[in-house]
Amino acid sequence: MPPPLLKFADEAAYRQHFHANYCTGAIMTHDGIPVYFDRWKFDHAFFESVAAKDDTFSLIRAERMDWIRLTLQDVGADRFQGWNKKTKTYEPHRRVEVVHEDFVVVLQISRKRNGHLKAKFVTCYQADNSIGMIRQSPVWDRGACENALP
């Protein structure tokens, strides 16, 4: 059974919830990688592209906002390497996580100065049309990720 959906009055309330719950500090993944969220990522993650521009607020995505944290912290989530459209290759330092329905969380992983891994939240979405492709991607592997990073 999927987690409950968020039900707020308007876009502003969802934006405030994102800023208060995700942009004030790192969220630790189940395997100890801190994930950082930029305030401006709200516009990418919770809007859908229309004519190649993110300009339509997506209630489907916004209602699942709290699934981001749950997905990152779920030991049983499926984790895959992310696809880079420009290079047409899978990237071991891009992590795509799926656990609830076909809700996807995408992370970009890099290193801190001390050598430990950290991640930036890229986006999240309900992968209705692309979940088959995602599930055929190579499985994300921490060792391969660390070897791919400078």
N, C-alpha and C. Protein backbone atom coordinates (compact mmCIF):
# COMPACT_ATOMS: atom_id res chain seq x y z
N MET A 1 0.85 -1.18 0.00
CA MET A 1 0.00 0.00 0.00
C MET A 1 0.89 1.24 0.00
N PRO A 2 0.64 2.18 -0.92
CA PRO A 2 1.48 3.38 -0.99
C PRO A 2 1.22 4.31 0.21
N PRO A 3 2.21 5.16 0.50
CA PRO A 3 2.03 6.13 1.59
C PRO A 3 0.92 7.12 1.25
N PRO A 4 0.43 7.84 2.25
CA PRO A 4 -0.63 8.82 1.99
C PRO A 4 -0.14 9.97 1.10
N LEU A 5 -1.07 10.57 0.39
CA LEU A 5 -0.78 11.72 -0.46
C LEU A 5 -0.92 13.01 0.36
N LEU A 6 -0.13 14.01 -0.01
CA LEU A 6 -0.28 15.34 0.60
C LEU A 6 -1.47 16.03 -0.04
N LYS A 7 -2.24 16.71 0.76
CA LYS A 7 -3.39 17.46 0.24
C LYS A 7 -3.33 18.88 0.79
N PHE A 8 -2.83 19.80 -0.03
CA PHE A 8 -2.77 21.20 0.36
C PHE A 8 -3.68 22.01 -0.55
N ALA A 9 -3.95 23.23 -0.15
CA ALA A 9 -4.90 24.09 -0.87
C ALA A 9 -4.39 24.57 -2.22
N ASP A 10 -3.08 24.83 -2.31
CA ASP A 10 -2.58 25.43 -3.55
C ASP A 10 -1.07 25.20 -3.71
N GLU A 11 -0.55 25.64 -4.84
CA GLU A 11 0.86 25.49 -5.16
C GLU A 11 1.75 26.12 -4.09
N ALA A 12 1.38 27.27 -3.58
CA ALA A 12 2.17 27.97 -2.58
C ALA A 12 2.36 27.11 -1.32
N ALA A 13 1.34 26.39 -0.92
CA ALA A 13 1.44 25.54 0.26
C ALA A 13 2.38 24.36 0.01
N TYR A 14 2.34 23.79 -1.19
CA TYR A 14 3.27 22.71 -1.52
C TYR A 14 4.70 23.24 -1.57
N ARG A 15 4.88 24.42 -2.12
CA ARG A 15 6.21 25.03 -2.20
C ARG A 15 6.77 25.25 -0.80
N GLN A 16 5.95 25.78 0.09
CA GLN A 16 6.39 26.04 1.46
C GLN A 16 6.76 24.72 2.15
N HIS A 17 5.98 23.68 1.93
CA HIS A 17 6.26 22.37 2.52
C HIS A 17 7.60 21.83 2.01
N PHE A 18 7.87 21.97 0.72
CA PHE A 18 9.13 21.52 0.14
C PHE A 18 10.30 22.27 0.77
N HIS A 19 10.20 23.58 0.84
CA HIS A 19 11.29 24.39 1.39
C HIS A 19 11.53 24.04 2.86
N ALA A 20 10.46 23.90 3.64
CA ALA A 20 10.58 23.62 5.07
C ALA A 20 11.09 22.21 5.36
N ASN A 21 10.71 21.23 4.55
CA ASN A 21 11.02 19.84 4.84
C ASN A 21 12.20 19.26 4.07
N TYR A 22 12.62 19.95 3.02
CA TYR A 22 13.71 19.40 2.22
C TYR A 22 14.91 20.33 2.05
N CYS A 23 14.70 21.62 2.14
CA CYS A 23 15.77 22.56 1.82
C CYS A 23 16.49 23.12 3.05
N THR A 24 16.18 22.64 4.22
CA THR A 24 16.78 23.17 5.44
C THR A 24 17.96 22.35 5.94
N GLY A 25 18.23 21.23 5.34
CA GLY A 25 19.34 20.37 5.73
C GLY A 25 19.31 19.10 4.92
N ALA A 26 20.37 18.34 5.00
CA ALA A 26 20.47 17.11 4.22
C ALA A 26 19.55 16.04 4.78
N ILE A 27 19.07 15.19 3.89
CA ILE A 27 18.34 13.99 4.27
C ILE A 27 19.28 12.82 3.99
N MET A 28 19.44 11.96 4.96
CA MET A 28 20.34 10.81 4.80
C MET A 28 19.61 9.66 4.11
N THR A 29 20.27 9.08 3.11
CA THR A 29 19.72 7.89 2.48
C THR A 29 19.91 6.71 3.42
N HIS A 30 19.28 5.61 3.10
CA HIS A 30 19.41 4.41 3.93
C HIS A 30 20.87 3.94 4.05
N ASP A 31 21.69 4.28 3.04
CA ASP A 31 23.08 3.84 3.05
C ASP A 31 24.06 4.96 3.39
N GLY A 32 23.56 6.01 4.05
CA GLY A 32 24.43 7.03 4.62
C GLY A 32 24.92 8.13 3.70
N ILE A 33 24.26 8.34 2.58
CA ILE A 33 24.64 9.43 1.68
C ILE A 33 23.73 10.63 1.96
N PRO A 34 24.30 11.77 2.34
CA PRO A 34 23.46 12.95 2.55
C PRO A 34 22.99 13.51 1.21
N VAL A 35 21.70 13.84 1.15
CA VAL A 35 21.10 14.39 -0.07
C VAL A 35 20.71 15.83 0.21
N TYR A 36 21.14 16.73 -0.66
CA TYR A 36 20.87 18.16 -0.51
C TYR A 36 19.86 18.61 -1.57
N PHE A 37 18.99 19.50 -1.17
CA PHE A 37 17.90 19.98 -2.02
C PHE A 37 18.03 21.49 -2.20
N ASP A 38 18.02 21.95 -3.44
CA ASP A 38 18.02 23.38 -3.75
C ASP A 38 16.58 23.86 -3.84
N ARG A 39 16.32 25.06 -3.34
CA ARG A 39 14.97 25.61 -3.34
C ARG A 39 14.39 25.68 -4.77
N TRP A 40 15.23 26.04 -5.71
CA TRP A 40 14.76 26.22 -7.09
C TRP A 40 14.38 24.91 -7.77
N LYS A 41 14.76 23.77 -7.18
CA LYS A 41 14.40 22.48 -7.77
C LYS A 41 12.90 22.21 -7.69
N PHE A 42 12.19 22.95 -6.85
CA PHE A 42 10.74 22.79 -6.78
C PHE A 42 10.12 22.98 -8.16
N ASP A 43 10.58 24.02 -8.87
CA ASP A 43 9.99 24.33 -10.17
C ASP A 43 10.23 23.23 -11.20
N HIS A 44 11.32 22.52 -11.08
CA HIS A 44 11.58 21.42 -12.01
C HIS A 44 10.85 20.15 -11.57
N ALA A 45 10.91 19.85 -10.28
CA ALA A 45 10.36 18.58 -9.80
C ALA A 45 8.84 18.55 -9.78
N PHE A 46 8.20 19.69 -9.57
CA PHE A 46 6.75 19.67 -9.38
C PHE A 46 5.97 20.43 -10.47
N PHE A 47 6.64 20.61 -11.60
CA PHE A 47 5.99 21.14 -12.78
C PHE A 47 6.25 20.18 -13.93
N GLU A 48 5.34 20.11 -14.85
CA GLU A 48 5.51 19.24 -16.01
C GLU A 48 5.85 20.09 -17.22
N SER A 49 6.61 19.50 -18.09
CA SER A 49 7.03 20.21 -19.30
C SER A 49 5.89 20.27 -20.31
N VAL A 50 5.68 21.45 -20.79
CA VAL A 50 4.75 21.70 -21.88
C VAL A 50 5.53 22.55 -22.87
N ALA A 51 5.69 22.07 -24.08
CA ALA A 51 6.47 22.76 -25.11
C ALA A 51 7.89 23.03 -24.63
N ALA A 52 8.52 22.00 -24.02
CA ALA A 52 9.92 22.04 -23.59
C ALA A 52 10.19 23.04 -22.48
N LYS A 53 9.17 23.46 -21.76
CA LYS A 53 9.37 24.36 -20.64
C LYS A 53 8.52 23.86 -19.47
N ASP A 54 9.13 23.84 -18.27
CA ASP A 54 8.39 23.42 -17.09
C ASP A 54 7.43 24.54 -16.70
N ASP A 55 6.17 24.39 -17.08
CA ASP A 55 5.25 25.50 -16.82
C ASP A 55 3.86 25.10 -16.33
N THR A 56 3.64 23.82 -16.08
CA THR A 56 2.34 23.37 -15.61
C THR A 56 2.51 22.66 -14.27
N PHE A 57 1.97 23.24 -13.20
CA PHE A 57 2.07 22.65 -11.88
C PHE A 57 1.46 21.25 -11.91
N SER A 58 2.18 20.28 -11.33
CA SER A 58 1.75 18.89 -11.35
C SER A 58 1.29 18.47 -9.97
N LEU A 59 0.00 18.39 -9.80
CA LEU A 59 -0.56 17.94 -8.54
C LEU A 59 -0.18 16.48 -8.27
N ILE A 60 -0.09 15.67 -9.32
CA ILE A 60 0.30 14.27 -9.17
C ILE A 60 1.68 14.17 -8.51
N ARG A 61 2.62 14.98 -8.96
CA ARG A 61 3.96 14.98 -8.37
C ARG A 61 3.93 15.59 -6.97
N ALA A 62 3.27 16.71 -6.82
CA ALA A 62 3.28 17.43 -5.54
C ALA A 62 2.64 16.61 -4.42
N GLU A 63 1.58 15.91 -4.72
CA GLU A 63 0.92 15.09 -3.70
C GLU A 63 1.83 13.97 -3.19
N ARG A 64 2.82 13.60 -3.97
CA ARG A 64 3.75 12.54 -3.61
C ARG A 64 5.06 13.08 -3.04
N MET A 65 5.12 14.35 -2.74
CA MET A 65 6.34 15.01 -2.27
C MET A 65 6.96 14.29 -1.08
N ASP A 66 6.17 13.88 -0.12
CA ASP A 66 6.74 13.21 1.06
C ASP A 66 7.26 11.81 0.73
N TRP A 67 6.95 11.31 -0.44
CA TRP A 67 7.49 10.02 -0.87
C TRP A 67 8.98 10.11 -1.17
N ILE A 68 9.48 11.33 -1.41
CA ILE A 68 10.91 11.50 -1.69
C ILE A 68 11.72 10.97 -0.51
N ARG A 69 11.45 11.50 0.68
CA ARG A 69 12.18 11.07 1.88
C ARG A 69 12.00 9.57 2.11
N LEU A 70 10.77 9.10 1.99
CA LEU A 70 10.50 7.68 2.21
C LEU A 70 11.27 6.80 1.24
N THR A 71 11.36 7.23 0.00
CA THR A 71 12.10 6.48 -1.02
C THR A 71 13.58 6.45 -0.70
N LEU A 72 14.14 7.60 -0.35
CA LEU A 72 15.58 7.68 -0.06
C LEU A 72 15.97 6.84 1.15
N GLN A 73 15.07 6.70 2.08
CA GLN A 73 15.40 6.00 3.32
C GLN A 73 14.95 4.53 3.32
N ASP A 74 14.36 4.07 2.24
CA ASP A 74 13.84 2.70 2.16
C ASP A 74 14.94 1.73 1.71
N VAL A 75 15.32 0.83 2.60
CA VAL A 75 16.35 -0.16 2.30
C VAL A 75 15.96 -1.02 1.10
N GLY A 76 14.67 -1.27 0.93
CA GLY A 76 14.20 -2.15 -0.13
C GLY A 76 13.93 -1.49 -1.46
N ALA A 77 14.22 -0.20 -1.59
CA ALA A 77 13.98 0.48 -2.87
C ALA A 77 14.86 -0.12 -3.96
N ASP A 78 14.35 -0.11 -5.18
CA ASP A 78 15.16 -0.51 -6.33
C ASP A 78 15.99 0.69 -6.75
N ARG A 79 17.27 0.46 -7.04
CA ARG A 79 18.17 1.55 -7.41
C ARG A 79 18.85 1.21 -8.73
N PHE A 80 18.80 2.18 -9.63
CA PHE A 80 19.33 1.99 -10.97
C PHE A 80 20.26 3.14 -11.34
N GLN A 81 21.12 2.90 -12.32
CA GLN A 81 21.93 3.98 -12.86
C GLN A 81 21.04 4.86 -13.72
N GLY A 82 21.34 6.14 -13.70
CA GLY A 82 20.55 7.09 -14.48
C GLY A 82 21.05 7.21 -15.91
N TRP A 83 20.15 7.55 -16.80
CA TRP A 83 20.42 7.71 -18.22
C TRP A 83 20.74 9.17 -18.52
N ASN A 84 21.80 9.39 -19.29
CA ASN A 84 22.15 10.74 -19.73
C ASN A 84 21.72 10.87 -21.19
N LYS A 85 20.72 11.70 -21.44
CA LYS A 85 20.20 11.87 -22.81
C LYS A 85 21.26 12.40 -23.77
N LYS A 86 22.10 13.33 -23.28
CA LYS A 86 23.10 13.96 -24.15
C LYS A 86 24.14 12.96 -24.64
N THR A 87 24.65 12.14 -23.72
CA THR A 87 25.70 11.19 -24.10
C THR A 87 25.15 9.82 -24.48
N LYS A 88 23.84 9.63 -24.24
CA LYS A 88 23.18 8.36 -24.52
C LYS A 88 23.88 7.19 -23.82
N THR A 89 24.21 7.43 -22.55
CA THR A 89 24.87 6.40 -21.74
C THR A 89 24.27 6.40 -20.33
N TYR A 90 24.44 5.26 -19.67
CA TYR A 90 24.10 5.19 -18.25
C TYR A 90 25.26 5.76 -17.46
N GLU A 91 24.95 6.43 -16.37
CA GLU A 91 25.98 7.04 -15.55
C GLU A 91 25.93 6.46 -14.14
N PRO A 92 27.03 5.84 -13.69
CA PRO A 92 27.04 5.23 -12.37
C PRO A 92 26.92 6.24 -11.23
N HIS A 93 27.21 7.53 -11.49
CA HIS A 93 27.09 8.55 -10.45
C HIS A 93 25.70 9.23 -10.45
N ARG A 94 24.80 8.71 -11.25
CA ARG A 94 23.41 9.15 -11.24
C ARG A 94 22.58 7.99 -10.70
N ARG A 95 21.79 8.24 -9.67
CA ARG A 95 21.05 7.16 -9.01
C ARG A 95 19.55 7.43 -9.12
N VAL A 96 18.84 6.43 -9.60
CA VAL A 96 17.40 6.51 -9.77
C VAL A 96 16.78 5.49 -8.81
N GLU A 97 15.91 5.97 -7.92
CA GLU A 97 15.32 5.11 -6.90
C GLU A 97 13.82 4.97 -7.12
N VAL A 98 13.33 3.73 -6.97
CA VAL A 98 11.91 3.44 -7.15
C VAL A 98 11.47 2.52 -6.02
N VAL A 99 10.36 2.87 -5.34
CA VAL A 99 9.84 1.96 -4.33
C VAL A 99 8.31 1.99 -4.25
N HIS A 100 7.72 3.15 -4.27
CA HIS A 100 6.27 3.28 -4.12
C HIS A 100 5.63 3.50 -5.49
N GLU A 101 4.77 2.56 -5.89
CA GLU A 101 4.16 2.60 -7.22
C GLU A 101 5.29 2.74 -8.23
N ASP A 102 5.19 3.67 -9.15
CA ASP A 102 6.26 3.93 -10.11
C ASP A 102 6.83 5.33 -9.89
N PHE A 103 6.87 5.75 -8.63
CA PHE A 103 7.41 7.06 -8.27
C PHE A 103 8.93 6.97 -8.24
N VAL A 104 9.58 7.87 -8.98
CA VAL A 104 11.02 7.85 -9.19
C VAL A 104 11.66 9.07 -8.54
N VAL A 105 12.79 8.85 -7.87
CA VAL A 105 13.60 9.94 -7.33
C VAL A 105 14.97 9.84 -7.99
N VAL A 106 15.46 10.95 -8.56
CA VAL A 106 16.73 10.97 -9.26
C VAL A 106 17.73 11.81 -8.48
N LEU A 107 18.93 11.25 -8.27
CA LEU A 107 20.00 11.92 -7.55
C LEU A 107 21.25 12.02 -8.41
N GLN A 108 22.03 13.06 -8.20
CA GLN A 108 23.35 13.22 -8.82
C GLN A 108 24.36 13.10 -7.69
N ILE A 109 25.24 12.12 -7.77
CA ILE A 109 26.18 11.85 -6.68
C ILE A 109 27.56 12.39 -7.01
N SER A 110 28.19 12.96 -5.99
CA SER A 110 29.55 13.48 -6.12
C SER A 110 30.28 13.23 -4.80
N ARG A 111 31.45 13.83 -4.67
CA ARG A 111 32.23 13.65 -3.44
C ARG A 111 32.33 14.95 -2.66
N LYS A 112 32.36 14.81 -1.35
CA LYS A 112 32.69 15.94 -0.49
C LYS A 112 34.21 16.09 -0.49
N ARG A 113 34.70 17.17 0.06
CA ARG A 113 36.16 17.36 0.14
C ARG A 113 36.84 16.27 0.94
N ASN A 114 36.12 15.69 1.90
CA ASN A 114 36.72 14.63 2.72
C ASN A 114 36.67 13.27 2.03
N GLY A 115 36.15 13.22 0.81
CA GLY A 115 36.11 11.98 0.04
C GLY A 115 34.82 11.20 0.17
N HIS A 116 33.99 11.53 1.16
CA HIS A 116 32.71 10.84 1.33
C HIS A 116 31.72 11.25 0.24
N LEU A 117 30.77 10.39 -0.05
CA LEU A 117 29.77 10.69 -1.06
C LEU A 117 28.72 11.66 -0.53
N LYS A 118 28.18 12.46 -1.44
CA LYS A 118 27.04 13.32 -1.18
C LYS A 118 26.19 13.30 -2.44
N ALA A 119 24.96 13.76 -2.33
CA ALA A 119 24.08 13.75 -3.50
C ALA A 119 23.26 15.03 -3.55
N LYS A 120 22.91 15.40 -4.75
CA LYS A 120 21.98 16.50 -5.01
C LYS A 120 20.71 15.91 -5.58
N PHE A 121 19.60 16.37 -5.08
CA PHE A 121 18.30 15.98 -5.63
C PHE A 121 18.18 16.61 -7.01
N VAL A 122 17.83 15.78 -8.00
CA VAL A 122 17.64 16.27 -9.36
C VAL A 122 16.16 16.47 -9.65
N THR A 123 15.36 15.41 -9.45
CA THR A 123 13.93 15.51 -9.71
C THR A 123 13.21 14.29 -9.16
N CYS A 124 11.91 14.30 -9.27
CA CYS A 124 11.07 13.15 -8.94
C CYS A 124 9.84 13.21 -9.83
N TYR A 125 9.27 12.05 -10.11
CA TYR A 125 8.08 12.03 -10.95
C TYR A 125 7.43 10.65 -10.93
N GLN A 126 6.20 10.61 -11.34
CA GLN A 126 5.47 9.36 -11.50
C GLN A 126 5.83 8.84 -12.90
N ALA A 127 6.56 7.75 -12.96
CA ALA A 127 7.12 7.26 -14.23
C ALA A 127 6.15 6.33 -14.95
N ASP A 128 5.00 6.82 -15.26
CA ASP A 128 3.98 6.01 -15.94
C ASP A 128 4.49 5.45 -17.27
N ASN A 129 5.10 6.31 -18.07
CA ASN A 129 5.50 5.91 -19.42
C ASN A 129 6.91 5.34 -19.50
N SER A 130 7.77 5.67 -18.54
CA SER A 130 9.18 5.28 -18.66
C SER A 130 9.62 4.22 -17.65
N ILE A 131 8.73 3.72 -16.82
CA ILE A 131 9.15 2.79 -15.76
C ILE A 131 9.75 1.50 -16.33
N GLY A 132 9.26 1.04 -17.46
CA GLY A 132 9.82 -0.16 -18.08
C GLY A 132 11.28 0.02 -18.45
N MET A 133 11.60 1.16 -19.05
CA MET A 133 12.99 1.48 -19.41
C MET A 133 13.85 1.62 -18.16
N ILE A 134 13.32 2.30 -17.15
CA ILE A 134 14.08 2.50 -15.91
C ILE A 134 14.42 1.15 -15.29
N ARG A 135 13.45 0.27 -15.23
CA ARG A 135 13.67 -1.03 -14.59
C ARG A 135 14.60 -1.95 -15.41
N GLN A 136 14.89 -1.59 -16.65
CA GLN A 136 15.85 -2.34 -17.46
C GLN A 136 17.25 -1.74 -17.39
N SER A 137 17.39 -0.63 -16.68
CA SER A 137 18.69 0.03 -16.53
C SER A 137 19.61 -0.80 -15.66
N PRO A 138 20.92 -0.57 -15.78
CA PRO A 138 21.85 -1.28 -14.88
C PRO A 138 21.56 -0.91 -13.43
N VAL A 139 21.72 -1.87 -12.56
CA VAL A 139 21.53 -1.64 -11.13
C VAL A 139 22.63 -0.69 -10.64
N TRP A 140 22.23 0.25 -9.79
CA TRP A 140 23.21 1.19 -9.22
C TRP A 140 24.10 0.43 -8.25
N ASP A 141 25.41 0.68 -8.34
CA ASP A 141 26.38 0.01 -7.49
C ASP A 141 27.29 1.07 -6.87
N ARG A 142 27.39 1.08 -5.54
CA ARG A 142 28.19 2.09 -4.85
C ARG A 142 29.65 2.06 -5.30
N GLY A 143 30.22 0.88 -5.43
CA GLY A 143 31.61 0.77 -5.85
C GLY A 143 31.85 1.34 -7.23
N ALA A 144 30.96 1.03 -8.17
CA ALA A 144 31.08 1.57 -9.52
C ALA A 144 30.93 3.08 -9.52
N CYS A 145 30.02 3.57 -8.68
CA CYS A 145 29.81 5.01 -8.55
C CYS A 145 31.10 5.67 -8.03
N GLU A 146 31.65 5.14 -6.96
CA GLU A 146 32.86 5.73 -6.38
C GLU A 146 34.03 5.69 -7.36
N ASN A 147 34.13 4.61 -8.14
CA ASN A 147 35.21 4.50 -9.13
C ASN A 147 35.03 5.48 -10.28
N ALA A 148 33.80 5.87 -10.58
CA ALA A 148 33.53 6.78 -11.69
C ALA A 148 33.76 8.24 -11.31
N LEU A 149 33.82 8.51 -10.01
CA LEU A 149 33.97 9.90 -9.55
C LEU A 149 35.45 10.27 -9.44
N PRO A 150 35.75 11.55 -9.69
CA PRO A 150 37.16 11.99 -9.52
C PRO A 150 37.57 11.99 -8.06
